Amino acid sequence: TKAYTTRVGSGPFPTEQLNDIGKTLGERG
């Protein structure tokens, strides 16, 4: 279990962050 959430590809993602938070998580991780 990751301490946050990620997904590859299409489909629902209720907690997705299309903002600086999501960008930061992606870059750091």
PDB file of all heavy atoms in Angstrom:
ATOM      1  N   THR A   1       0.833  -1.190   0.000  1.00  0.00           N
ATOM      2  CA  THR A   1       0.000   0.000   0.000  1.00  0.00           C
ATOM      3  C   THR A   1       0.871   1.244   0.000  1.00  0.00           C
ATOM      4  O   THR A   1       1.697   1.439   0.890  1.00  0.00           O
ATOM      5  CB  THR A   1      -0.907   0.018   1.248  1.00  0.00           C
ATOM      6  OG1 THR A   1      -1.627  -1.219   1.351  1.00  0.00           O
ATOM      7  CG2 THR A   1      -1.891   1.172   1.201  1.00  0.00           C
ATOM      8  N   LYS A   2       0.693   2.102  -0.998  1.00  0.00           N
ATOM      9  CA  LYS A   2       1.450   3.348  -1.071  1.00  0.00           C
ATOM     10  C   LYS A   2       0.815   4.380  -0.135  1.00  0.00           C
ATOM     11  O   LYS A   2      -0.408   4.395   0.042  1.00  0.00           O
ATOM     12  CB  LYS A   2       1.469   3.833  -2.517  1.00  0.00           C
ATOM     13  CG  LYS A   2       2.446   4.949  -2.816  1.00  0.00           C
ATOM     14  CD  LYS A   2       2.413   5.311  -4.295  1.00  0.00           C
ATOM     15  CE  LYS A   2       3.074   4.305  -5.175  1.00  0.00           C
ATOM     16  NZ  LYS A   2       3.133   4.676  -6.611  1.00  0.00           N
ATOM     17  N   ALA A   3       1.641   5.231   0.468  1.00  0.00           N
ATOM     18  CA  ALA A   3       1.159   6.222   1.439  1.00  0.00           C
ATOM     19  C   ALA A   3       0.338   7.331   0.791  1.00  0.00           C
ATOM     20  O   ALA A   3      -0.224   8.184   1.476  1.00  0.00           O
ATOM     21  CB  ALA A   3       2.331   6.818   2.218  1.00  0.00           C
ATOM     22  N   TYR A   4       0.285   7.351  -0.518  1.00  0.00           N
ATOM     23  CA  TYR A   4      -0.625   8.200  -1.293  1.00  0.00           C
ATOM     24  C   TYR A   4      -1.203   7.315  -2.379  1.00  0.00           C
ATOM     25  O   TYR A   4      -1.148   6.077  -2.244  1.00  0.00           O
ATOM     26  CB  TYR A   4       0.092   9.443  -1.829  1.00  0.00           C
ATOM     27  CG  TYR A   4       1.400   9.156  -2.578  1.00  0.00           C
ATOM     28  CD1 TYR A   4       1.465   9.133  -3.947  1.00  0.00           C
ATOM     29  CD2 TYR A   4       2.580   8.934  -1.868  1.00  0.00           C
ATOM     30  CE1 TYR A   4       2.656   8.881  -4.614  1.00  0.00           C
ATOM     31  CE2 TYR A   4       3.782   8.674  -2.535  1.00  0.00           C
ATOM     32  CZ  TYR A   4       3.803   8.643  -3.896  1.00  0.00           C
ATOM     33  OH  TYR A   4       4.984   8.381  -4.554  1.00  0.00           O
ATOM     34  N   THR A   5      -1.753   7.843  -3.436  1.00  0.00           N
ATOM     35  CA  THR A   5      -2.385   7.000  -4.455  1.00  0.00           C
ATOM     36  C   THR A   5      -1.882   7.390  -5.838  1.00  0.00           C
ATOM     37  O   THR A   5      -1.713   8.584  -6.124  1.00  0.00           O
ATOM     38  CB  THR A   5      -3.932   7.137  -4.421  1.00  0.00           C
ATOM     39  OG1 THR A   5      -4.411   6.985  -3.087  1.00  0.00           O
ATOM     40  CG2 THR A   5      -4.585   6.078  -5.299  1.00  0.00           C
ATOM     41  N   THR A   6      -1.645   6.384  -6.682  1.00  0.00           N
ATOM     42  CA  THR A   6      -1.294   6.638  -8.077  1.00  0.00           C
ATOM     43  C   THR A   6      -2.089   5.692  -8.977  1.00  0.00           C
ATOM     44  O   THR A   6      -2.586   4.654  -8.546  1.00  0.00           O
ATOM     45  CB  THR A   6       0.215   6.428  -8.347  1.00  0.00           C
ATOM     46  OG1 THR A   6       0.564   5.064  -8.073  1.00  0.00           O
ATOM     47  CG2 THR A   6       1.056   7.351  -7.496  1.00  0.00           C
ATOM     48  N   ARG A   7      -2.177   6.084 -10.231  1.00  0.00           N
ATOM     49  CA  ARG A   7      -2.813   5.234 -11.226  1.00  0.00           C
ATOM     50  C   ARG A   7      -2.202   5.519 -12.588  1.00  0.00           C
ATOM     51  O   ARG A   7      -1.908   6.676 -12.921  1.00  0.00           O
ATOM     52  CB  ARG A   7      -4.315   5.480 -11.254  1.00  0.00           C
ATOM     53  CG  ARG A   7      -5.059   4.794 -12.345  1.00  0.00           C
ATOM     54  CD  ARG A   7      -6.554   4.684 -12.182  1.00  0.00           C
ATOM     55  NE  ARG A   7      -6.983   3.519 -12.959  1.00  0.00           N
ATOM     56  CZ  ARG A   7      -8.195   3.023 -12.968  1.00  0.00           C
ATOM     57  NH1 ARG A   7      -9.143   3.578 -12.215  1.00  0.00           N
ATOM     58  NH2 ARG A   7      -8.465   1.942 -13.700  1.00  0.00           N
ATOM     59  N   VAL A   8      -2.040   4.465 -13.399  1.00  0.00           N
ATOM     60  CA  VAL A   8      -1.581   4.594 -14.783  1.00  0.00           C
ATOM     61  C   VAL A   8      -2.759   4.287 -15.705  1.00  0.00           C
ATOM     62  O   VAL A   8      -3.517   3.345 -15.467  1.00  0.00           O
ATOM     63  CB  VAL A   8      -0.411   3.638 -15.088  1.00  0.00           C
ATOM     64  CG1 VAL A   8      -0.078   3.658 -16.578  1.00  0.00           C
ATOM     65  CG2 VAL A   8       0.823   4.011 -14.289  1.00  0.00           C
ATOM     66  N   GLY A   9      -2.914   5.057 -16.771  1.00  0.00           N
ATOM     67  CA  GLY A   9      -3.968   4.779 -17.730  1.00  0.00           C
ATOM     68  C   GLY A   9      -5.285   5.441 -17.366  1.00  0.00           C
ATOM     69  O   GLY A   9      -5.373   6.270 -16.450  1.00  0.00           O
ATOM     70  N   SER A  10      -6.320   5.055 -18.068  1.00  0.00           N
ATOM     71  CA  SER A  10      -7.633   5.669 -17.910  1.00  0.00           C
ATOM     72  C   SER A  10      -8.390   5.054 -16.733  1.00  0.00           C
ATOM     73  O   SER A  10      -7.981   4.061 -16.155  1.00  0.00           O
ATOM     74  CB  SER A  10      -8.446   5.495 -19.201  1.00  0.00           C
ATOM     75  OG  SER A  10      -7.737   5.981 -20.325  1.00  0.00           O
ATOM     76  N   GLY A  11      -9.510   5.684 -16.399  1.00  0.00           N
ATOM     77  CA  GLY A  11     -10.382   5.153 -15.368  1.00  0.00           C
ATOM     78  C   GLY A  11     -10.574   6.099 -14.209  1.00  0.00           C
ATOM     79  O   GLY A  11      -9.871   7.116 -14.080  1.00  0.00           O
ATOM     80  N   PRO A  12     -11.535   5.806 -13.330  1.00  0.00           N
ATOM     81  CA  PRO A  12     -11.843   6.696 -12.210  1.00  0.00           C
ATOM     82  C   PRO A  12     -10.697   6.803 -11.219  1.00  0.00           C
ATOM     83  O   PRO A  12      -9.954   5.842 -11.019  1.00  0.00           O
ATOM     84  CB  PRO A  12     -13.066   6.022 -11.563  1.00  0.00           C
ATOM     85  CG  PRO A  12     -12.962   4.579 -11.957  1.00  0.00           C
ATOM     86  CD  PRO A  12     -12.366   4.587 -13.327  1.00  0.00           C
ATOM     87  N   PHE A  13     -10.591   7.952 -10.596  1.00  0.00           N
ATOM     88  CA  PHE A  13      -9.549   8.203  -9.607  1.00  0.00           C
ATOM     89  C   PHE A  13     -10.070   9.338  -8.722  1.00  0.00           C
ATOM     90  O   PHE A  13      -9.744  10.506  -8.948  1.00  0.00           O
ATOM     91  CB  PHE A  13      -8.251   8.579 -10.313  1.00  0.00           C
ATOM     92  CG  PHE A  13      -7.030   8.711  -9.433  1.00  0.00           C
ATOM     93  CD1 PHE A  13      -5.769   8.837  -9.998  1.00  0.00           C
ATOM     94  CD2 PHE A  13      -7.111   8.728  -8.045  1.00  0.00           C
ATOM     95  CE1 PHE A  13      -4.630   8.959  -9.209  1.00  0.00           C
ATOM     96  CE2 PHE A  13      -5.986   8.844  -7.248  1.00  0.00           C
ATOM     97  CZ  PHE A  13      -4.743   8.981  -7.837  1.00  0.00           C
ATOM     98  N   PRO A  14     -10.864   9.026  -7.698  1.00  0.00           N
ATOM     99  CA  PRO A  14     -11.543  10.065  -6.926  1.00  0.00           C
ATOM    100  C   PRO A  14     -10.618  11.083  -6.273  1.00  0.00           C
ATOM    101  O   PRO A  14     -10.970  12.262  -6.159  1.00  0.00           O
ATOM    102  CB  PRO A  14     -12.320   9.265  -5.860  1.00  0.00           C
ATOM    103  CG  PRO A  14     -12.535   7.921  -6.477  1.00  0.00           C
ATOM    104  CD  PRO A  14     -11.306   7.669  -7.288  1.00  0.00           C
ATOM    105  N   THR A  15      -9.426  10.669  -5.808  1.00  0.00           N
ATOM    106  CA  THR A  15      -8.553  11.587  -5.074  1.00  0.00           C
ATOM    107  C   THR A  15      -7.447  12.189  -5.933  1.00  0.00           C
ATOM    108  O   THR A  15      -6.502  12.789  -5.406  1.00  0.00           O
ATOM    109  CB  THR A  15      -7.914  10.887  -3.856  1.00  0.00           C
ATOM    110  OG1 THR A  15      -7.032   9.848  -4.310  1.00  0.00           O
ATOM    111  CG2 THR A  15      -8.976  10.301  -2.935  1.00  0.00           C
ATOM    112  N   GLU A  16      -7.540  12.036  -7.247  1.00  0.00           N
ATOM    113  CA  GLU A  16      -6.504  12.575  -8.137  1.00  0.00           C
ATOM    114  C   GLU A  16      -6.358  14.080  -7.946  1.00  0.00           C
ATOM    115  O   GLU A  16      -7.340  14.810  -7.831  1.00  0.00           O
ATOM    116  CB  GLU A  16      -6.840  12.264  -9.589  1.00  0.00           C
ATOM    117  CG  GLU A  16      -5.768  12.725 -10.582  1.00  0.00           C
ATOM    118  CD  GLU A  16      -6.037  12.303 -12.008  1.00  0.00           C
ATOM    119  OE1 GLU A  16      -7.184  11.856 -12.298  1.00  0.00           O
ATOM    120  OE2 GLU A  16      -5.108  12.395 -12.839  1.00  0.00           O
ATOM    121  N   GLN A  17      -5.103  14.540  -7.932  1.00  0.00           N
ATOM    122  CA  GLN A  17      -4.797  15.954  -7.771  1.00  0.00           C
ATOM    123  C   GLN A  17      -4.184  16.506  -9.058  1.00  0.00           C
ATOM    124  O   GLN A  17      -2.993  16.335  -9.324  1.00  0.00           O
ATOM    125  CB  GLN A  17      -3.841  16.163  -6.596  1.00  0.00           C
ATOM    126  CG  GLN A  17      -4.392  15.726  -5.238  1.00  0.00           C
ATOM    127  CD  GLN A  17      -5.594  16.524  -4.826  1.00  0.00           C
ATOM    128  OE1 GLN A  17      -5.543  17.742  -4.642  1.00  0.00           O
ATOM    129  NE2 GLN A  17      -6.734  15.847  -4.674  1.00  0.00           N
ATOM    130  N   LEU A  18      -5.007  17.178  -9.845  1.00  0.00           N
ATOM    131  CA  LEU A  18      -4.525  17.773 -11.095  1.00  0.00           C
ATOM    132  C   LEU A  18      -4.044  19.193 -10.802  1.00  0.00           C
ATOM    133  O   LEU A  18      -4.574  20.176 -11.311  1.00  0.00           O
ATOM    134  CB  LEU A  18      -5.640  17.762 -12.139  1.00  0.00           C
ATOM    135  CG  LEU A  18      -6.133  16.361 -12.548  1.00  0.00           C
ATOM    136  CD1 LEU A  18      -7.390  16.456 -13.401  1.00  0.00           C
ATOM    137  CD2 LEU A  18      -5.038  15.610 -13.287  1.00  0.00           C
ATOM    138  N   ASN A  19      -3.013  19.266  -9.978  1.00  0.00           N
ATOM    139  CA  ASN A  19      -2.517  20.546  -9.492  1.00  0.00           C
ATOM    140  C   ASN A  19      -1.070  20.374  -9.041  1.00  0.00           C
ATOM    141  O   ASN A  19      -0.443  19.358  -9.313  1.00  0.00           O
ATOM    142  CB  ASN A  19      -3.401  21.065  -8.341  1.00  0.00           C
ATOM    143  CG  ASN A  19      -3.617  19.986  -7.262  1.00  0.00           C
ATOM    144  OD1 ASN A  19      -2.756  19.142  -7.037  1.00  0.00           O
ATOM    145  ND2 ASN A  19      -4.766  20.021  -6.587  1.00  0.00           N
ATOM    146  N   ASP A  20      -0.560  21.361  -8.314  1.00  0.00           N
ATOM    147  CA  ASP A  20       0.832  21.309  -7.857  1.00  0.00           C
ATOM    148  C   ASP A  20       1.071  20.153  -6.883  1.00  0.00           C
ATOM    149  O   ASP A  20       2.180  19.618  -6.808  1.00  0.00           O
ATOM    150  CB  ASP A  20       1.228  22.629  -7.196  1.00  0.00           C
ATOM    151  CG  ASP A  20       1.400  23.759  -8.210  1.00  0.00           C
ATOM    152  OD1 ASP A  20       1.532  23.457  -9.420  1.00  0.00           O
ATOM    153  OD2 ASP A  20       1.395  24.938  -7.791  1.00  0.00           O
ATOM    154  N   ILE A  21       0.053  19.779  -6.119  1.00  0.00           N
ATOM    155  CA  ILE A  21       0.201  18.666  -5.182  1.00  0.00           C
ATOM    156  C   ILE A  21       0.462  17.372  -5.955  1.00  0.00           C
ATOM    157  O   ILE A  21       1.394  16.616  -5.650  1.00  0.00           O
ATOM    158  CB  ILE A  21      -1.047  18.526  -4.284  1.00  0.00           C
ATOM    159  CG1 ILE A  21      -1.130  19.706  -3.323  1.00  0.00           C
ATOM    160  CG2 ILE A  21      -1.019  17.202  -3.514  1.00  0.00           C
ATOM    161  CD1 ILE A  21      -2.438  19.787  -2.570  1.00  0.00           C
ATOM    162  N   GLY A  22      -0.366  17.117  -6.967  1.00  0.00           N
ATOM    163  CA  GLY A  22      -0.175  15.928  -7.796  1.00  0.00           C
ATOM    164  C   GLY A  22       1.166  15.944  -8.505  1.00  0.00           C
ATOM    165  O   GLY A  22       1.842  14.909  -8.607  1.00  0.00           O
ATOM    166  N   LYS A  23       1.566  17.126  -8.993  1.00  0.00           N
ATOM    167  CA  LYS A  23       2.849  17.263  -9.674  1.00  0.00           C
ATOM    168  C   LYS A  23       4.004  16.986  -8.723  1.00  0.00           C
ATOM    169  O   LYS A  23       4.958  16.282  -9.068  1.00  0.00           O
ATOM    170  CB  LYS A  23       2.968  18.663 -10.267  1.00  0.00           C
ATOM    171  CG  LYS A  23       4.228  18.884 -11.093  1.00  0.00           C
ATOM    172  CD  LYS A  23       4.278  20.308 -11.643  1.00  0.00           C
ATOM    173  CE  LYS A  23       5.572  20.539 -12.423  1.00  0.00           C
ATOM    174  NZ  LYS A  23       5.667  21.948 -12.905  1.00  0.00           N
ATOM    175  N   THR A  24       3.901  17.506  -7.491  1.00  0.00           N
ATOM    176  CA  THR A  24       4.954  17.299  -6.495  1.00  0.00           C
ATOM    177  C   THR A  24       5.082  15.834  -6.113  1.00  0.00           C
ATOM    178  O   THR A  24       6.180  15.292  -6.014  1.00  0.00           O
ATOM    179  CB  THR A  24       4.675  18.153  -5.239  1.00  0.00           C
ATOM    180  OG1 THR A  24       4.629  19.531  -5.616  1.00  0.00           O
ATOM    181  CG2 THR A  24       5.760  17.953  -4.195  1.00  0.00           C
ATOM    182  N   LEU A  25       3.939  15.165  -5.886  1.00  0.00           N
ATOM    183  CA  LEU A  25       3.956  13.744  -5.560  1.00  0.00           C
ATOM    184  C   LEU A  25       4.614  12.939  -6.677  1.00  0.00           C
ATOM    185  O   LEU A  25       5.429  12.046  -6.424  1.00  0.00           O
ATOM    186  CB  LEU A  25       2.533  13.231  -5.325  1.00  0.00           C
ATOM    187  CG  LEU A  25       1.822  13.688  -4.053  1.00  0.00           C
ATOM    188  CD1 LEU A  25       0.341  13.301  -4.088  1.00  0.00           C
ATOM    189  CD2 LEU A  25       2.492  13.108  -2.810  1.00  0.00           C
ATOM    190  N   GLY A  26       4.286  13.270  -7.917  1.00  0.00           N
ATOM    191  CA  GLY A  26       4.847  12.555  -9.062  1.00  0.00           C
ATOM    192  C   GLY A  26       6.342  12.748  -9.199  1.00  0.00           C
ATOM    193  O   GLY A  26       7.084  11.807  -9.486  1.00  0.00           O
ATOM    194  N   GLU A  27       6.802  13.997  -8.998  1.00  0.00           N
ATOM    195  CA  GLU A  27       8.229  14.295  -9.132  1.00  0.00           C
ATOM    196  C   GLU A  27       9.036  13.661  -8.005  1.00  0.00           C
ATOM    197  O   GLU A  27      10.068  13.036  -8.235  1.00  0.00           O
ATOM    198  CB  GLU A  27       8.441  15.810  -9.163  1.00  0.00           C
ATOM    199  CG  GLU A  27       7.930  16.460 -10.453  1.00  0.00           C
ATOM    200  CD  GLU A  27       8.014  17.977 -10.412  1.00  0.00           C
ATOM    201  OE1 GLU A  27       8.287  18.543  -9.316  1.00  0.00           O
ATOM    202  OE2 GLU A  27       7.802  18.613 -11.477  1.00  0.00           O
ATOM    203  N   ARG A  28       8.563  13.818  -6.782  1.00  0.00           N
ATOM    204  CA  ARG A  28       9.283  13.252  -5.641  1.00  0.00           C
ATOM    205  C   ARG A  28       9.307  11.731  -5.680  1.00  0.00           C
ATOM    206  O   ARG A  28      10.307  11.092  -5.373  1.00  0.00           O
ATOM    207  CB  ARG A  28       8.630  13.700  -4.332  1.00  0.00           C
ATOM    208  CG  ARG A  28       8.861  15.149  -3.963  1.00  0.00           C
ATOM    209  CD  ARG A  28       8.296  15.365  -2.576  1.00  0.00           C
ATOM    210  NE  ARG A  28       8.343  16.759  -2.150  1.00  0.00           N
ATOM    211  CZ  ARG A  28       7.833  17.183  -1.009  1.00  0.00           C
ATOM    212  NH1 ARG A  28       7.262  16.322  -0.184  1.00  0.00           N
ATOM    213  NH2 ARG A  28       7.914  18.465  -0.686  1.00  0.00           N
ATOM    214  N   GLY A  29       8.170  11.151  -6.058  1.00  0.00           N
ATOM    215  CA  GLY A  29       8.046   9.698  -6.059  1.00  0.00           C
ATOM    216  C   GLY A  29       8.548   9.034  -7.319  1.00  0.00           C
ATOM    217  O   GLY A  29       8.476   7.801  -7.427  1.00  0.00           O
TER     218      GLY A  29
END
